Amino acid sequence: MFGGLAFLHEGNMAVGVIGDELMVRVGPDATEAALARPGARPFDFTGRPMRGWVVVASSAVSEDEALADWVDQGHAFAASLPPK
């Protein structure tokens, strides 16, 4: 998906990897808070930012705890959606 590796929960994408960056599906309501975190920026793969998604620089997830926090957030949102 998007030319990278994606991880799904019951058919819904939670997180993925493009190059050396992490993309996280945080959901529309959590986008602004996620963008305020270090290393996060809007997910703009096609020229139009996708609301509910962020890209996190590899430097911001170099520590296991930071990576786990982002993965947990993506998983929590994907788990809140109906299975596909």
C-alpha atoms as a PDB file:
ATOM      1  CA  MET A   1       0.000   0.000   0.000  1.00  0.00           C
ATOM      2  CA  PHE A   2       1.382   3.433  -0.985  1.00  0.00           C
ATOM      3  CA  GLY A   3       4.546   1.680  -2.144  1.00  0.00           C
ATOM      4  CA  GLY A   4       5.508   0.596   1.356  1.00  0.00           C
ATOM      5  CA  LEU A   5       4.704  -1.942   4.021  1.00  0.00           C
ATOM      6  CA  ALA A   6       1.329  -1.708   5.789  1.00  0.00           C
ATOM      7  CA  PHE A   7       0.008  -3.316   8.957  1.00  0.00           C
ATOM      8  CA  LEU A   8      -3.720  -3.917   9.242  1.00  0.00           C
ATOM      9  CA  HIS A   9      -6.162  -4.687  12.016  1.00  0.00           C
ATOM     10  CA  GLU A  10      -9.176  -6.626  10.745  1.00  0.00           C
ATOM     11  CA  GLY A  11      -8.661  -5.170   7.269  1.00  0.00           C
ATOM     12  CA  ASN A  12      -8.131  -1.561   8.385  1.00  0.00           C
ATOM     13  CA  MET A  13      -4.714  -0.002   8.050  1.00  0.00           C
ATOM     14  CA  ALA A  14      -3.133   1.043  11.343  1.00  0.00           C
ATOM     15  CA  VAL A  15       0.485   1.886  10.507  1.00  0.00           C
ATOM     16  CA  GLY A  16       2.888   1.507   7.637  1.00  0.00           C
ATOM     17  CA  VAL A  17       6.431   2.166   6.566  1.00  0.00           C
ATOM     18  CA  ILE A  18       7.510   4.157   3.532  1.00  0.00           C
ATOM     19  CA  GLY A  19      11.253   4.387   3.131  1.00  0.00           C
ATOM     20  CA  ASP A  20      12.526   5.075   6.626  1.00  0.00           C
ATOM     21  CA  GLU A  21       9.406   6.871   7.854  1.00  0.00           C
ATOM     22  CA  LEU A  22       6.367   5.668   9.729  1.00  0.00           C
ATOM     23  CA  MET A  23       2.846   6.513   8.598  1.00  0.00           C
ATOM     24  CA  VAL A  24       0.190   6.313  11.252  1.00  0.00           C
ATOM     25  CA  ARG A  25      -3.583   6.347  10.958  1.00  0.00           C
ATOM     26  CA  VAL A  26      -4.572   8.442  13.955  1.00  0.00           C
ATOM     27  CA  GLY A  27      -8.104   9.361  12.892  1.00  0.00           C
ATOM     28  CA  PRO A  28      -9.556  12.767  12.033  1.00  0.00           C
ATOM     29  CA  ASP A  29     -10.182  13.813  15.635  1.00  0.00           C
ATOM     30  CA  ALA A  30      -6.580  13.130  16.698  1.00  0.00           C
ATOM     31  CA  THR A  31      -4.787  14.622  13.698  1.00  0.00           C
ATOM     32  CA  GLU A  32      -3.980  18.037  15.188  1.00  0.00           C
ATOM     33  CA  ALA A  33      -2.643  16.563  18.434  1.00  0.00           C
ATOM     34  CA  ALA A  34      -0.541  14.067  16.483  1.00  0.00           C
ATOM     35  CA  LEU A  35       0.912  16.824  14.300  1.00  0.00           C
ATOM     36  CA  ALA A  36       2.012  18.670  17.435  1.00  0.00           C
ATOM     37  CA  ARG A  37       4.276  15.759  18.392  1.00  0.00           C
ATOM     38  CA  PRO A  38       7.981  15.796  17.450  1.00  0.00           C
ATOM     39  CA  GLY A  39       8.780  14.535  13.969  1.00  0.00           C
ATOM     40  CA  ALA A  40       5.171  14.369  12.756  1.00  0.00           C
ATOM     41  CA  ARG A  41       3.896  16.011   9.598  1.00  0.00           C
ATOM     42  CA  PRO A  42       0.790  15.698   7.431  1.00  0.00           C
ATOM     43  CA  PHE A  43       0.570  12.613   5.241  1.00  0.00           C
ATOM     44  CA  ASP A  44       0.653  14.155   1.778  1.00  0.00           C
ATOM     45  CA  PHE A  45       1.328  11.333  -0.649  1.00  0.00           C
ATOM     46  CA  THR A  46      -0.669  12.608  -3.609  1.00  0.00           C
ATOM     47  CA  GLY A  47      -0.487  16.394  -3.247  1.00  0.00           C
ATOM     48  CA  ARG A  48      -3.573  16.432  -1.026  1.00  0.00           C
ATOM     49  CA  PRO A  49      -2.985  15.864   2.702  1.00  0.00           C
ATOM     50  CA  MET A  50      -4.992  12.953   4.064  1.00  0.00           C
ATOM     51  CA  ARG A  51      -6.874  13.914   7.206  1.00  0.00           C
ATOM     52  CA  GLY A  52      -6.493  11.334   9.916  1.00  0.00           C
ATOM     53  CA  TRP A  53      -3.016  10.260   8.817  1.00  0.00           C
ATOM     54  CA  VAL A  54       0.456  11.499   9.758  1.00  0.00           C
ATOM     55  CA  VAL A  55       3.992  10.660   8.737  1.00  0.00           C
ATOM     56  CA  VAL A  56       6.587  10.402  11.485  1.00  0.00           C
ATOM     57  CA  ALA A  57      10.282  10.936  10.800  1.00  0.00           C
ATOM     58  CA  SER A  58      12.553   8.017  11.622  1.00  0.00           C
ATOM     59  CA  SER A  59      14.469  10.170  14.101  1.00  0.00           C
ATOM     60  CA  ALA A  60      11.277  10.560  16.161  1.00  0.00           C
ATOM     61  CA  VAL A  61      10.754   6.807  16.482  1.00  0.00           C
ATOM     62  CA  SER A  62      14.329   5.679  17.063  1.00  0.00           C
ATOM     63  CA  GLU A  63      13.513   4.785  20.686  1.00  0.00           C
ATOM     64  CA  ASP A  64      11.377   1.689  21.266  1.00  0.00           C
ATOM     65  CA  GLU A  65       8.974   3.547  23.566  1.00  0.00           C
ATOM     66  CA  ALA A  66       8.263   6.279  21.007  1.00  0.00           C
ATOM     67  CA  LEU A  67       7.733   3.743  18.233  1.00  0.00           C
ATOM     68  CA  ALA A  68       5.433   1.656  20.431  1.00  0.00           C
ATOM     69  CA  ASP A  69       3.377   4.724  21.320  1.00  0.00           C
ATOM     70  CA  TRP A  70       2.766   5.585  17.659  1.00  0.00           C
ATOM     71  CA  VAL A  71       1.999   1.963  16.752  1.00  0.00           C
ATOM     72  CA  ASP A  72      -0.421   1.718  19.684  1.00  0.00           C
ATOM     73  CA  GLN A  73      -2.186   4.889  18.561  1.00  0.00           C
ATOM     74  CA  GLY A  74      -2.555   3.610  15.001  1.00  0.00           C
ATOM     75  CA  HIS A  75      -3.752   0.223  16.213  1.00  0.00           C
ATOM     76  CA  ALA A  76      -6.285   1.792  18.581  1.00  0.00           C
ATOM     77  CA  PHE A  77      -7.833   3.812  15.776  1.00  0.00           C
ATOM     78  CA  ALA A  78      -7.914   0.888  13.339  1.00  0.00           C
ATOM     79  CA  ALA A  79      -9.464  -1.305  16.045  1.00  0.00           C
ATOM     80  CA  SER A  80     -12.239   1.266  16.510  1.00  0.00           C
ATOM     81  CA  LEU A  81     -13.382   0.767  12.909  1.00  0.00           C
ATOM     82  CA  PRO A  82     -15.722  -1.988  11.703  1.00  0.00           C
ATOM     83  CA  PRO A  83     -13.889  -5.002  10.250  1.00  0.00           C
ATOM     84  CA  LYS A  84     -13.590  -5.163   6.483  1.00  0.00           C
END
